[in-house]
C-alpha cells in the first residue's frame, strides 16, 4: 500500500513541476538552515577533538565571594591555589586537570608580530584530553617538577613562527622575551572550544604570578574526570563538602568575605552560567532551542499548507472517485500524510547534500580557525526529526480538509461540503 502511495506521489510531483519546485525550495531552505544550526550547536556542545571526554567531566570555573553586610562582592575564575587546595585533593574524581583561561601574548619573527593564545596547565590536562600530536609529546610531571621552560605549540603557530613542514621539536620559541623549548606540535583546535584551545601550551609553573597567588580567584579552571556520569552527584557532594570547610569570614585581597558559592558543573551548564544569557538549567536551554526550531518551521509550513490545499483542489476528482468506491477518510488522510512526508524527506535529502557543501565552505573559509563542523549521526537525527515534524505540520490540515470533501462536490470540481 505504501509503495502505491509513493508511486502516486511521484506522478503528482511530475504533474505540476512549478508546484514541486516551490514546495521543495521551501522545504530545502528551511531544513538546510536547521541542519547547519544543529551542526554548529553540535560543534559547540558535544564532545569533539580533543575534548573527547567532555561527557565524563565536570568543570570548576567560577568562584563567587560576597559579604552582603559590607556590600563587597567578587566573582571570577578560580586561582591555581584554590584548585590545588580544594579541588585536586578530591578523592571521587578519577583525575583532576587544571588549565588557565585564554591569555594573549606576543612573539616576533623579525619585525613581524605574532599574537598568540597561551594556556598554562598541569600534566593531568594532557591525560584527560586526546590531542593529536603531529610530532613530539606533551610535557609531563617531571617537566613541571623541574620547572622546565618547555612548550607544546599548534600547527598554525609552527607554520607562522618557524615556516615550512620541517621538524621543530627541540627548537626555541620566544614569547614575551622568554625562550621555551618546543617539545610537541598538536593539530589545531577551534577557538570555539576555549577549555582546550590555544596556540602555545605551557606548564603552569612558568607563570609565576598566577601560580603563586593565594587569592581565591584568578585565571584557571578545574576539569574533574569521572569514571562515568553516574559519579557526578558524588563528585559534586564531595566538592561542596570540601568548600564548606573553608573558614568564614576570610580575608582576600584586602576584602572580607563571609559567603562563598562555587559549583562543579557540566560543560554546557558552566558556560550557560557565565554567558550573556543565563539559564536556570540545561533543560531550559534545550527547551528554548526546540521552541525556536518549531517556530522557524511554522511560517514555511503555513505557506506549504496553502500550496497543499491548491494541490488537493487539483486532485478533487481523484479524491471523489476514491471516496465513491469506499475509501475511508482515515485512509485518505494517511495517504496524503505519507505523500507529504515523502516530499519532505526528499527535500531533507537535498538539504543534507547542500548542508555538506555549506559546512565544507565554512570550515575552509577560516572564519573560525580550526573549525571542524560535521554532519554526524546526531545531526542527521535532528534533521530527520525536523523532516517528520515539518511534514506533519504542513500536511495535517490539508489532509483533514481532503477527508471531509463531499463525494458529489469533489466530482464537480472540489468545493467542500460535509463529510462523505
Foldseek 3Di string as FASTA:
>chain_A
DLVVLVVVLVVLCVVDVVLLVVLLVLLLVLLLVVLLVLLVVCLQAPQDPFQNQLQQKWKWFKKWFADVVVGDIDMGGFFLLQCVQQPQPDDQFPGKKKKFFWDWFWFDDDPDIDIWTEMAIAQVVPVNTHWAWPDFDDDHNVCLVVVAQAKEFEPVCCCVRVNDDDDQQQPWTAIPNDIHGYGTYTYADWVSCRVPHTGMYGHPSVVPPRNPDPAGHDGMMMMGGHPHVVCVVVSFVSSVVSVVPPDPQDDGPRDTTGDMDITGHRPVQVCLCPDPHHDPDVVVVVVVVVVVSVVSLQVSLVVLLVSLLVSLLVCLQVLLVCVVVPDALVNQLVSQLSSLLVSSVVSLVVSVVVSVVVVVCVQVVVPTPPDDRDCDPVSVVVSNVSSNSSSCSNRNVSSNQSQQADSVCSNVRRDRDGHD
